């Protein structure tokens, strides 16, 4: 049976956490061995001047 009213869970970060510093920190060898780490992917969108291909 499918729950139609299930709420979508969004990722959250604790209040007061420095996003860049904490998310850029590398996992230790011990954390990796224990599987106690999270892969972080950073996406960047260039809103100022998009790249344009020149036709020559």
Foldseek 3Di string as FASTA:
>chain_A
DDDPPDDDDDDDDDPPDDVVVVLPDDDDPVCVVVVNDDDDDDDDDDPPDDDDDDDD
